[in-house]
Amino acid sequence: MLIILKFYYYFPVQFGHTINALFFLEETNKYLAAHSLVCDNMVIGVTMVNVLPGKERAAYNELNRVEGIKDIYHVFGEYDFVVIIEVDDLGHLNSIVDEIRETSDVTATQTIVGAELK
């Protein structure tokens, strides 16, 4: 069984986003369980990313260059992208999320961390 830990990161922007991720957290938990993404030596983070309107392609290209990002999904709804990050430890995950947040087109992120419950 997996549990999900939530970390919120918000950026001040001229347009507000209400973030309610309960459904997404549930679905992510199912995804992590089905794909066995959590193992003894890896930390898996799922980061939902919002970007400036019209900057999706530029943001995707920039995210694609970040080492440690396993998958990037362009999605519809509350978020523009769902990014799967696979790294060795929480410190490295934090560094990658910080790098995503520093991207000029990114307006907000929300990261959840998969953890195995033994």
Protein backbone atom coordinates (compact mmCIF):
# COMPACT_ATOMS: atom_id res chain seq x y z
CA MET A 1 0.00 0.00 0.00
CA LEU A 2 1.24 3.49 -0.79
CA ILE A 3 0.68 6.80 0.91
CA ILE A 4 1.08 10.21 -0.67
CA LEU A 5 2.70 13.16 1.05
CA LYS A 6 1.72 16.59 -0.27
CA PHE A 7 3.93 19.65 -0.68
CA TYR A 8 2.51 22.91 -2.04
CA TYR A 9 4.43 25.57 -3.91
CA TYR A 10 2.65 28.72 -5.06
CA PHE A 11 3.84 31.69 -7.06
CA PRO A 12 2.24 35.12 -6.98
CA VAL A 13 0.52 35.59 -10.32
CA GLN A 14 -1.97 38.07 -11.68
CA PHE A 15 -4.59 35.36 -12.14
CA GLY A 16 -5.48 33.03 -9.29
CA HIS A 17 -5.76 29.28 -9.38
CA THR A 18 -7.74 27.33 -6.83
CA ILE A 19 -5.93 24.07 -6.28
CA ASN A 20 -7.96 21.13 -5.02
CA ALA A 21 -6.00 17.95 -5.61
CA LEU A 22 -7.91 15.33 -3.63
CA PHE A 23 -9.12 13.47 -6.73
CA PHE A 24 -5.71 13.76 -8.38
CA LEU A 25 -3.96 12.48 -5.26
CA GLU A 26 -6.22 9.44 -5.23
CA GLU A 27 -5.54 8.74 -8.91
CA THR A 28 -1.79 9.27 -8.47
CA ASN A 29 -1.77 6.80 -5.59
CA LYS A 30 -3.42 4.23 -7.87
CA TYR A 31 -0.90 5.01 -10.64
CA LEU A 32 2.10 4.60 -8.34
CA ALA A 33 0.74 1.30 -7.00
CA ALA A 34 -0.02 -0.06 -10.47
CA HIS A 35 3.37 0.89 -11.91
CA SER A 36 5.49 -0.05 -8.87
CA LEU A 37 7.21 3.34 -9.03
CA VAL A 38 8.26 3.32 -5.41
CA CYS A 39 11.21 1.09 -4.59
CA ASP A 40 13.88 0.87 -1.90
CA ASN A 41 16.48 2.99 -3.66
CA MET A 42 14.36 5.58 -5.47
CA VAL A 43 12.17 8.51 -4.58
CA ILE A 44 9.27 9.22 -6.93
CA GLY A 45 7.76 12.69 -7.08
CA VAL A 46 4.73 13.71 -9.08
CA THR A 47 4.71 17.45 -9.76
CA MET A 48 1.70 19.22 -11.21
CA VAL A 49 2.76 22.36 -13.06
CA ASN A 50 0.90 25.47 -14.21
CA VAL A 51 2.45 27.72 -16.84
CA LEU A 52 1.68 31.07 -18.41
CA PRO A 53 -1.09 30.89 -21.03
CA GLY A 54 0.33 30.23 -24.48
CA LYS A 55 3.73 29.13 -23.12
CA GLU A 56 3.02 25.41 -22.93
CA ARG A 57 5.40 24.40 -25.74
CA ALA A 58 8.28 26.52 -24.39
CA ALA A 59 7.72 25.19 -20.87
CA TYR A 60 7.58 21.60 -22.16
CA ASN A 61 10.86 22.05 -24.02
CA GLU A 62 12.53 23.50 -20.94
CA LEU A 63 11.16 20.78 -18.64
CA ASN A 64 12.38 18.15 -21.08
CA ARG A 65 15.97 19.32 -20.46
CA VAL A 66 15.82 18.81 -16.68
CA GLU A 67 17.77 15.73 -15.59
CA GLY A 68 15.79 13.46 -13.27
CA ILE A 69 12.43 14.02 -14.95
CA LYS A 70 11.20 10.63 -16.14
CA ASP A 71 7.95 11.64 -17.89
CA ILE A 72 6.08 14.82 -18.79
CA TYR A 73 2.36 14.74 -19.57
CA HIS A 74 0.48 17.71 -21.01
CA VAL A 75 -2.97 17.56 -19.42
CA PHE A 76 -6.26 19.44 -19.42
CA GLY A 77 -7.88 20.76 -16.26
CA GLU A 78 -6.44 22.47 -13.21
CA TYR A 79 -2.85 21.85 -14.27
CA ASP A 80 -0.99 22.18 -17.55
CA PHE A 81 1.56 19.39 -16.97
CA VAL A 82 2.06 16.38 -14.77
CA VAL A 83 5.76 15.64 -14.32
CA ILE A 84 7.06 12.31 -13.00
CA ILE A 85 10.43 12.68 -11.24
CA GLU A 86 12.56 9.68 -10.27
CA VAL A 87 15.64 10.35 -8.11
CA ASP A 88 17.80 8.81 -5.38
CA ASP A 89 16.76 10.97 -2.41
CA LEU A 90 14.45 13.74 -1.21
CA GLY A 91 17.20 16.35 -1.43
CA HIS A 92 17.62 15.69 -5.14
CA LEU A 93 13.83 15.76 -5.61
CA ASN A 94 13.73 19.15 -3.89
CA SER A 95 16.49 20.45 -6.20
CA ILE A 96 14.60 19.35 -9.31
CA VAL A 97 11.34 20.89 -8.07
CA ASP A 98 13.23 24.13 -7.34
CA GLU A 99 14.64 24.04 -10.88
CA ILE A 100 11.12 23.59 -12.29
CA ARG A 101 9.85 26.49 -10.15
CA GLU A 102 12.63 28.77 -11.42
CA THR A 103 11.53 28.26 -15.02
CA SER A 104 10.30 31.62 -16.32
CA ASP A 105 7.03 30.25 -17.73
CA VAL A 106 6.03 28.29 -14.60
CA THR A 107 3.48 30.01 -12.37
CA ALA A 108 2.75 27.29 -9.77
CA THR A 109 3.69 23.75 -8.80
CA GLN A 110 2.33 21.12 -6.46
CA THR A 111 4.44 18.08 -5.67
CA ILE A 112 3.41 14.82 -4.07
CA VAL A 113 5.86 12.14 -3.01
CA GLY A 114 5.19 8.43 -3.21
CA ALA A 115 6.16 6.39 -0.15
CA GLU A 116 5.89 2.69 0.49
CA LEU A 117 3.88 1.78 3.58
CA LYS A 118 5.28 -1.36 5.19
